Amino acid sequence: MTRGQILGILSLLLLCAIAVFPAVAENTTVTTTHDIATDYYNYGELALSVGNFTGAIANFDQALGSNTTMVQLDGVLLYIYHDKSYAQIQQDNYTGAIATLNDGLNLYPTDENLWNNKGYAQYMLGNYADAVNSYNQALASDSNFTTALINKGDALDKQGNYQDAVTAYKAALVTYPNSTVLPAKIADAEKSASTALPITLIAIVIVVIIAGVGIAYYLIKMKPASKNAVETPDKKTRPKKKKSK
């Protein structure tokens, strides 16, 4: 093959390359709408996955501060509230978590995960009655929500409501029969319930005794004094008139 033939072939190949490659690039280009809130959400999830809770919260806040139209349509907005509250709970910022969850519940009032997280934050603050109410809201959306059932049992146990705690734990055991923790929780709550019953009876007996003593004191001391106060005073004896002679 002569030198001229080789150059001719190379020229043809170059022309083919120039004609083909732009077409391929054009065909593989996809036009997409860029959403900054979604980007911040993804960054937040990456930070959360490595335990960088501060970074996760910062990115979730950036997402919430952006235009949330797309993330709301995609269903991602719910997860931003949920995961931000989770990160705050991991940092023991329970008050901040409750504020985040309240914002989320304004948009998703029946989401069981938001209610469960709120109940846990309230529990950690010692607000056990409020926690029970939040867990009940979660269970109203999903009665078989095992985590909410267990958490409700823990809050009831803290309130000294051992019988209802046992009921909650047993309901959780139905949904999670392989649990190694629930049998121990049930046993402890049942033991506490059996111990609390005699104490309650003793308290009732004491109240009855105190009431009886009070009544007796009234009958012995107070009633006679009242009687004396209304007695008719003695009439004075008038001197007899002497008959005139």
Protein backbone atom coordinates (compact mmCIF):
# COMPACT_ATOMS: atom_id res chain seq x y z
CA MET A 1 0.00 0.00 0.00
CA THR A 2 1.43 3.32 -1.05
CA ARG A 3 1.84 6.33 1.20
CA GLY A 4 -0.90 8.15 -0.67
CA GLN A 5 -3.39 5.35 -0.10
CA ILE A 6 -2.63 5.33 3.64
CA LEU A 7 -3.19 9.08 3.91
CA GLY A 8 -6.46 8.71 2.03
CA ILE A 9 -7.75 6.10 4.44
CA LEU A 10 -6.76 8.22 7.48
CA SER A 11 -8.58 11.20 5.98
CA LEU A 12 -11.76 9.18 5.56
CA LEU A 13 -11.55 7.94 9.15
CA LEU A 14 -11.12 11.50 10.42
CA LEU A 15 -14.18 12.65 8.51
CA CYS A 16 -16.21 9.80 9.99
CA ALA A 17 -15.09 10.72 13.50
CA ILE A 18 -16.06 14.35 13.03
CA ALA A 19 -19.50 13.36 11.70
CA VAL A 20 -20.33 10.64 14.25
CA PHE A 21 -19.16 11.79 17.71
CA PRO A 22 -21.33 14.95 18.01
CA ALA A 23 -24.38 12.92 17.10
CA VAL A 24 -23.69 10.43 19.88
CA ALA A 25 -23.14 13.18 22.41
CA GLU A 26 -26.36 14.89 21.41
CA ASN A 27 -28.37 11.68 21.61
CA THR A 28 -27.09 10.84 25.13
CA THR A 29 -27.69 14.30 26.62
CA VAL A 30 -30.76 14.33 28.94
CA THR A 31 -32.30 17.63 29.88
CA THR A 32 -33.32 17.65 33.58
CA THR A 33 -34.64 20.28 35.96
CA HIS A 34 -32.11 20.90 38.71
CA ASP A 35 -33.63 21.05 42.22
CA ILE A 36 -31.43 22.49 44.96
CA ALA A 37 -33.65 21.25 47.80
CA THR A 38 -33.20 17.67 46.59
CA ASP A 39 -29.43 18.17 46.48
CA TYR A 40 -29.36 19.40 50.07
CA TYR A 41 -31.54 16.47 51.12
CA ASN A 42 -29.11 14.02 49.52
CA TYR A 43 -26.15 15.73 51.20
CA GLY A 44 -27.99 15.50 54.50
CA GLU A 45 -28.62 11.78 54.04
CA LEU A 46 -24.94 11.21 53.28
CA ALA A 47 -23.94 13.06 56.43
CA LEU A 48 -26.51 11.13 58.45
CA SER A 49 -25.21 7.79 57.15
CA VAL A 50 -21.75 8.46 58.62
CA GLY A 51 -23.02 9.86 61.93
CA ASN A 52 -22.36 13.50 61.08
CA PHE A 53 -25.54 14.76 62.72
CA THR A 54 -24.51 18.41 62.74
CA GLY A 55 -23.81 18.32 59.00
CA ALA A 56 -27.05 16.46 58.36
CA ILE A 57 -29.11 19.04 60.24
CA ALA A 58 -27.38 21.90 58.40
CA ASN A 59 -28.17 20.36 55.00
CA PHE A 60 -31.76 19.55 55.94
CA ASP A 61 -32.20 23.16 57.05
CA GLN A 62 -30.84 24.32 53.70
CA ALA A 63 -33.33 22.06 51.94
CA LEU A 64 -36.21 23.41 54.00
CA GLY A 65 -35.06 26.96 53.33
CA SER A 66 -35.09 26.36 49.57
CA ASN A 67 -38.03 26.01 47.24
CA THR A 68 -39.64 22.80 48.51
CA THR A 69 -42.16 22.38 45.71
CA MET A 70 -40.30 19.51 44.03
CA VAL A 71 -39.41 17.64 47.23
CA GLN A 72 -43.01 17.92 48.40
CA LEU A 73 -44.30 16.54 45.11
CA ASP A 74 -41.75 13.71 45.25
CA GLY A 75 -42.68 12.85 48.84
CA VAL A 76 -39.16 13.72 50.04
CA LEU A 77 -40.23 16.61 52.27
CA LEU A 78 -41.70 14.19 54.82
CA TYR A 79 -38.34 12.42 55.11
CA ILE A 80 -36.51 15.71 55.61
CA TYR A 81 -38.61 16.44 58.71
CA HIS A 82 -38.32 12.88 59.92
CA ASP A 83 -34.56 12.57 59.47
CA LYS A 84 -33.79 16.04 60.79
CA SER A 85 -35.69 15.24 63.99
CA TYR A 86 -33.82 11.94 64.24
CA ALA A 87 -30.47 13.76 64.00
CA GLN A 88 -31.58 16.25 66.67
CA ILE A 89 -32.61 13.41 68.97
CA GLN A 90 -29.19 11.81 68.50
CA GLN A 91 -27.71 15.10 69.74
CA ASP A 92 -30.09 15.12 72.75
CA ASN A 93 -31.76 18.25 71.36
CA TYR A 94 -35.25 17.05 72.25
CA THR A 95 -36.86 20.50 72.33
CA GLY A 96 -35.52 21.26 68.86
CA ALA A 97 -36.70 17.87 67.62
CA ILE A 98 -40.23 18.55 68.87
CA ALA A 99 -40.25 21.90 67.03
CA THR A 100 -39.15 20.17 63.81
CA LEU A 101 -41.76 17.45 64.25
CA ASN A 102 -44.52 19.97 64.88
CA ASP A 103 -43.63 21.65 61.57
CA GLY A 104 -43.76 18.28 59.85
CA LEU A 105 -47.05 17.32 61.48
CA ASN A 106 -48.63 20.53 60.24
CA LEU A 107 -48.17 19.10 56.74
CA TYR A 108 -48.45 15.38 57.53
CA PRO A 109 -50.78 15.15 60.56
CA THR A 110 -51.29 11.38 60.37
CA ASP A 111 -47.71 10.21 59.82
CA GLU A 112 -46.95 7.58 62.45
CA ASN A 113 -43.17 8.04 62.31
CA LEU A 114 -43.37 11.75 63.07
CA TRP A 115 -45.71 11.07 66.00
CA ASN A 116 -43.45 8.30 67.29
CA ASN A 117 -40.37 10.54 67.19
CA LYS A 118 -42.28 13.29 68.95
CA GLY A 119 -43.37 10.86 71.65
CA TYR A 120 -39.79 9.72 72.17
CA ALA A 121 -38.53 13.32 72.49
CA GLN A 122 -41.29 14.06 75.02
CA TYR A 123 -40.42 10.89 76.91
CA MET A 124 -36.76 11.91 77.14
CA LEU A 125 -37.85 15.27 78.55
CA GLY A 126 -39.87 13.47 81.24
CA ASN A 127 -43.25 14.45 79.78
CA TYR A 128 -44.66 10.92 79.98
CA ALA A 129 -48.35 11.83 79.63
CA ASP A 130 -47.63 13.85 76.48
CA ALA A 131 -45.50 10.99 75.18
CA VAL A 132 -48.37 8.51 75.64
CA ASN A 133 -50.67 10.86 73.72
CA SER A 134 -48.20 11.07 70.84
CA TYR A 135 -47.77 7.30 70.73
CA ASN A 136 -51.55 6.93 70.65
CA GLN A 137 -51.62 9.25 67.63
CA ALA A 138 -49.01 7.07 65.92
CA LEU A 139 -51.00 3.93 66.70
CA ALA A 140 -54.18 5.54 65.40
CA SER A 141 -52.48 5.53 61.99
CA ASP A 142 -50.89 2.10 62.39
CA SER A 143 -52.13 -0.06 65.25
CA ASN A 144 -49.40 -2.63 64.57
CA PHE A 145 -46.53 -0.13 64.81
CA THR A 146 -44.25 -2.19 67.05
CA THR A 147 -41.87 0.61 68.02
CA ALA A 148 -44.73 2.88 69.10
CA LEU A 149 -46.27 0.06 71.16
CA ILE A 150 -43.01 -0.59 72.98
CA ASN A 151 -42.39 3.12 73.54
CA LYS A 152 -45.93 3.58 74.83
CA GLY A 153 -45.38 0.74 77.29
CA ASP A 154 -42.19 2.41 78.53
CA ALA A 155 -43.98 5.74 79.07
CA LEU A 156 -46.87 4.06 80.91
CA ASP A 157 -44.39 2.19 83.08
CA LYS A 158 -42.76 5.50 84.03
CA GLN A 159 -46.19 6.80 85.03
CA GLY A 160 -46.70 3.82 87.30
CA ASN A 161 -49.50 2.55 85.07
CA TYR A 162 -48.12 -0.98 85.01
CA GLN A 163 -51.27 -2.80 83.89
CA ASP A 164 -51.62 -0.70 80.75
CA ALA A 165 -47.88 -1.02 80.16
CA VAL A 166 -48.26 -4.80 80.17
CA THR A 167 -51.10 -4.49 77.65
CA ALA A 168 -48.94 -2.36 75.33
CA TYR A 169 -45.96 -4.73 75.61
CA LYS A 170 -48.10 -7.77 74.88
CA ALA A 171 -49.58 -6.07 71.82
CA ALA A 172 -46.04 -5.37 70.62
CA LEU A 173 -45.09 -9.01 71.19
CA VAL A 174 -47.89 -10.08 68.83
CA THR A 175 -46.37 -7.98 66.06
CA TYR A 176 -42.79 -8.92 66.98
CA PRO A 177 -42.91 -12.46 68.42
CA ASN A 178 -39.15 -13.02 68.09
CA SER A 179 -38.29 -10.12 70.40
CA THR A 180 -35.81 -10.97 73.15
CA VAL A 181 -36.54 -7.74 75.04
CA LEU A 182 -40.32 -7.74 75.34
CA PRO A 183 -40.70 -10.83 77.57
CA ALA A 184 -38.43 -9.18 80.16
CA LYS A 185 -40.36 -5.90 79.95
CA ILE A 186 -43.65 -7.75 80.44
CA ALA A 187 -42.29 -9.66 83.44
CA ASP A 188 -40.97 -6.50 85.09
CA ALA A 189 -44.21 -4.59 84.54
CA GLU A 190 -46.31 -7.47 85.89
CA LYS A 191 -44.08 -7.67 88.96
CA SER A 192 -44.42 -3.93 89.53
CA ALA A 193 -48.19 -4.18 89.13
CA SER A 194 -48.45 -6.96 91.75
CA THR A 195 -46.29 -4.95 94.16
CA ALA A 196 -48.20 -1.72 93.61
CA LEU A 197 -51.60 -3.29 94.41
CA PRO A 198 -50.98 -3.92 98.15
CA ILE A 199 -49.49 -0.43 98.47
CA THR A 200 -52.65 1.00 96.95
CA LEU A 201 -54.81 -0.97 99.36
CA ILE A 202 -52.72 0.21 102.30
CA ALA A 203 -53.12 3.80 101.14
CA ILE A 204 -56.90 3.33 100.95
CA VAL A 205 -56.99 1.86 104.47
CA ILE A 206 -54.97 4.79 105.80
CA VAL A 207 -57.34 7.26 104.18
CA VAL A 208 -60.34 5.46 105.69
CA ILE A 209 -58.73 5.47 109.16
CA ILE A 210 -57.95 9.18 108.94
CA ALA A 211 -61.50 9.91 107.81
CA GLY A 212 -62.87 7.80 110.69
CA VAL A 213 -60.73 9.63 113.22
CA GLY A 214 -61.96 12.95 111.87
CA ILE A 215 -65.58 11.92 112.14
CA ALA A 216 -65.06 10.62 115.66
CA TYR A 217 -63.40 13.86 116.70
CA TYR A 218 -66.31 15.82 115.31
CA LEU A 219 -68.87 13.71 117.15
CA ILE A 220 -67.03 13.83 120.44
CA LYS A 221 -65.77 17.38 120.51
CA MET A 222 -67.63 19.52 118.05
CA LYS A 223 -71.21 18.32 118.35
CA PRO A 224 -71.62 18.86 122.13
CA ALA A 225 -70.20 22.35 121.80
CA SER A 226 -72.77 23.12 119.17
CA LYS A 227 -75.55 21.79 121.38
CA ASN A 228 -74.51 23.92 124.33
CA ALA A 229 -74.53 26.96 122.13
CA VAL A 230 -78.22 26.65 121.36
CA GLU A 231 -79.46 25.67 124.80
CA THR A 232 -82.22 27.88 126.24
CA PRO A 233 -80.80 30.02 129.03
CA ASP A 234 -82.25 29.56 132.51
CA LYS A 235 -85.19 31.80 133.31
CA LYS A 236 -84.71 34.14 136.18
CA THR A 237 -87.17 33.58 139.05
CA ARG A 238 -89.29 36.61 139.59
CA PRO A 239 -89.83 37.63 143.22
CA LYS A 240 -93.37 37.10 144.37
CA LYS A 241 -95.45 40.19 144.89
CA LYS A 242 -96.66 40.76 148.35
CA LYS A 243 -100.35 41.12 148.65
CA SER A 244 -101.42 44.45 149.98
CA LYS A 245 -103.41 44.39 153.12
